[in-house]
Amino acid sequence: VYRYALNNLNTLYKEKNMAETYKMLTIDVNEPIPEIVIAVQEDINSRYLDVTLTDEGVPIDLTAKRVHFSSARADEVSFYKTGVMTNAKKGRCQFELTRGELKAANTLYGQIEIWTSDNEKVLTTHIITIDVVESLRVQGNI
């Protein structure tokens, strides 16, 4: 029983301490986004966009709003997901780059949408470019 509990504890510890990376971006909703985000093909549960949304440098208060990330790969497969608010007052939210988005080595294009709670208004950022680079693991070279 002790060994079983210890193995489960070790497994849980490893899962909670898995390597994760958060690409910090400050995005002004009125400006083009020049920075290209780099991600690796087939990475799973480990790559996130950590975004602060601003309007002319002032954080947008996201209280009582929803944020969504819509994206499309170059092969025309598209995705849509809800973000997680990490500090609504300061315009901060996060989006996981999913296995589907990182399935193929190509360019992923995305936009963040800010929705009011009554769905009456939506504000969309300019396009975010994510370069998904080839993984040697996926290509069978490792």
Protein backbone atom coordinates (compact mmCIF):
# COMPACT_ATOMS: atom_id res chain seq x y z
CA VAL A 1 0.00 0.00 0.00
CA TYR A 2 2.82 2.41 0.91
CA ARG A 3 4.66 1.79 -2.39
CA TYR A 4 1.42 2.29 -4.38
CA ALA A 5 0.72 5.59 -2.60
CA LEU A 6 4.31 6.75 -3.14
CA ASN A 7 4.17 5.91 -6.87
CA ASN A 8 0.90 7.83 -7.24
CA LEU A 9 2.37 10.79 -5.36
CA ASN A 10 5.47 10.77 -7.60
CA THR A 11 3.28 10.64 -10.71
CA LEU A 12 1.15 13.53 -9.46
CA TYR A 13 4.29 15.54 -8.60
CA LYS A 14 5.75 14.99 -12.07
CA GLU A 15 2.50 16.02 -13.76
CA LYS A 16 2.20 19.21 -11.72
CA ASN A 17 5.85 20.13 -12.34
CA MET A 18 5.89 19.41 -16.05
CA ALA A 19 7.74 22.01 -18.09
CA GLU A 20 5.48 24.79 -19.32
CA THR A 21 6.31 27.97 -21.14
CA TYR A 22 4.27 31.18 -21.19
CA LYS A 23 4.93 33.58 -24.06
CA MET A 24 4.23 37.02 -22.61
CA LEU A 25 2.66 39.43 -25.09
CA THR A 26 1.33 42.94 -24.67
CA ILE A 27 -1.13 43.52 -27.49
CA ASP A 28 -2.60 46.91 -28.31
CA VAL A 29 -5.97 46.31 -29.97
CA ASN A 30 -5.35 49.24 -32.35
CA GLU A 31 -1.91 48.20 -33.58
CA PRO A 32 -0.49 45.45 -35.81
CA ILE A 33 1.36 42.71 -33.90
CA PRO A 34 4.91 42.57 -35.27
CA GLU A 35 6.22 39.84 -32.96
CA ILE A 36 6.13 36.27 -34.25
CA VAL A 37 5.52 33.61 -31.62
CA ILE A 38 7.57 30.41 -32.00
CA ALA A 39 6.21 27.01 -30.95
CA VAL A 40 7.29 23.43 -31.62
CA GLN A 41 5.19 20.91 -33.52
CA GLU A 42 3.31 18.35 -31.36
CA ASP A 43 4.15 19.93 -27.99
CA ILE A 44 1.33 18.98 -25.62
CA ASN A 45 -0.10 20.83 -22.58
CA SER A 46 2.98 23.01 -22.33
CA ARG A 47 2.76 26.16 -24.47
CA TYR A 48 0.65 29.15 -23.52
CA LEU A 49 0.11 32.73 -24.62
CA ASP A 50 0.05 35.06 -21.61
CA VAL A 51 -1.47 38.24 -22.98
CA THR A 52 -2.07 41.74 -21.66
CA LEU A 53 -4.62 43.56 -23.82
CA THR A 54 -4.29 47.34 -24.06
CA ASP A 55 -5.85 50.31 -25.82
CA GLU A 56 -3.15 52.87 -26.62
CA GLY A 57 -1.01 51.50 -23.80
CA VAL A 58 -3.79 51.43 -21.18
CA PRO A 59 -4.82 47.95 -19.98
CA ILE A 60 -8.37 47.03 -21.01
CA ASP A 61 -10.55 46.10 -18.04
CA LEU A 62 -11.88 42.63 -18.88
CA THR A 63 -14.18 42.41 -15.87
CA ALA A 64 -17.56 40.89 -16.89
CA LYS A 65 -16.16 40.12 -20.36
CA ARG A 66 -15.06 36.94 -22.12
CA VAL A 67 -11.98 36.42 -24.24
CA HIS A 68 -11.73 33.93 -27.08
CA PHE A 69 -8.88 32.89 -29.35
CA SER A 70 -9.68 31.93 -32.91
CA SER A 71 -6.94 30.53 -35.08
CA ALA A 72 -6.36 28.84 -38.40
CA ARG A 73 -3.48 26.76 -39.70
CA ALA A 74 -2.13 27.25 -43.22
CA ASP A 75 -3.92 24.02 -44.21
CA GLU A 76 -7.25 25.80 -43.42
CA VAL A 77 -8.04 23.85 -40.24
CA SER A 78 -9.49 26.31 -37.70
CA PHE A 79 -9.86 26.41 -33.91
CA TYR A 80 -11.88 28.45 -31.40
CA LYS A 81 -11.47 28.46 -27.63
CA THR A 82 -12.20 30.47 -24.51
CA GLY A 83 -9.31 32.04 -22.65
CA VAL A 84 -8.62 32.11 -18.93
CA MET A 85 -8.66 35.47 -17.15
CA THR A 86 -5.59 35.82 -14.94
CA ASN A 87 -6.05 39.49 -14.00
CA ALA A 88 -9.21 40.94 -15.56
CA LYS A 89 -8.70 44.47 -14.18
CA LYS A 90 -5.25 44.65 -15.81
CA GLY A 91 -6.35 43.11 -19.13
CA ARG A 92 -4.45 39.87 -18.61
CA CYS A 93 -5.55 36.48 -19.97
CA GLN A 94 -4.06 33.18 -21.13
CA PHE A 95 -4.61 30.77 -23.98
CA GLU A 96 -3.18 27.29 -24.35
CA LEU A 97 -1.73 26.39 -27.73
CA THR A 98 -3.43 23.03 -28.21
CA ARG A 99 -2.26 19.79 -29.72
CA GLY A 100 -4.46 20.41 -32.76
CA GLU A 101 -3.00 23.86 -33.35
CA LEU A 102 0.53 22.48 -33.05
CA LYS A 103 -0.17 19.31 -35.09
CA ALA A 104 1.61 20.45 -38.23
CA ALA A 105 4.80 22.41 -38.78
CA ASN A 106 3.44 25.51 -40.48
CA THR A 107 2.16 28.99 -39.72
CA LEU A 108 -0.78 29.47 -37.41
CA TYR A 109 -2.71 32.75 -37.53
CA GLY A 110 -4.82 33.82 -34.56
CA GLN A 111 -6.88 36.67 -33.17
CA ILE A 112 -8.18 37.44 -29.71
CA GLU A 113 -11.80 38.51 -29.35
CA ILE A 114 -13.14 40.42 -26.36
CA TRP A 115 -16.89 39.89 -25.87
CA THR A 116 -19.24 41.74 -23.54
CA SER A 117 -21.35 39.55 -21.26
CA ASP A 118 -24.51 40.38 -23.24
CA ASN A 119 -22.85 39.54 -26.59
CA GLU A 120 -23.67 43.05 -27.84
CA LYS A 121 -20.09 44.10 -28.53
CA VAL A 122 -16.95 42.40 -29.70
CA LEU A 123 -13.46 43.84 -30.11
CA THR A 124 -10.85 41.88 -32.07
CA THR A 125 -7.07 42.24 -32.11
CA HIS A 126 -4.95 42.31 -35.21
CA ILE A 127 -3.55 38.94 -36.34
CA ILE A 128 -1.03 37.08 -34.19
CA THR A 129 1.44 34.97 -36.19
CA ILE A 130 2.65 31.72 -34.64
CA ASP A 131 5.44 29.87 -36.42
CA VAL A 132 5.13 26.16 -35.58
CA VAL A 133 8.57 24.70 -36.24
CA GLU A 134 9.24 21.08 -37.10
CA SER A 135 10.00 18.65 -34.29
CA LEU A 136 12.74 16.08 -34.79
CA ARG A 137 10.75 13.75 -32.50
CA VAL A 138 7.74 13.83 -34.83
CA GLN A 139 9.83 13.30 -37.95
CA GLY A 140 11.29 10.08 -36.48
CA ASN A 141 14.81 11.46 -36.32
CA ILE A 142 15.08 10.79 -32.60
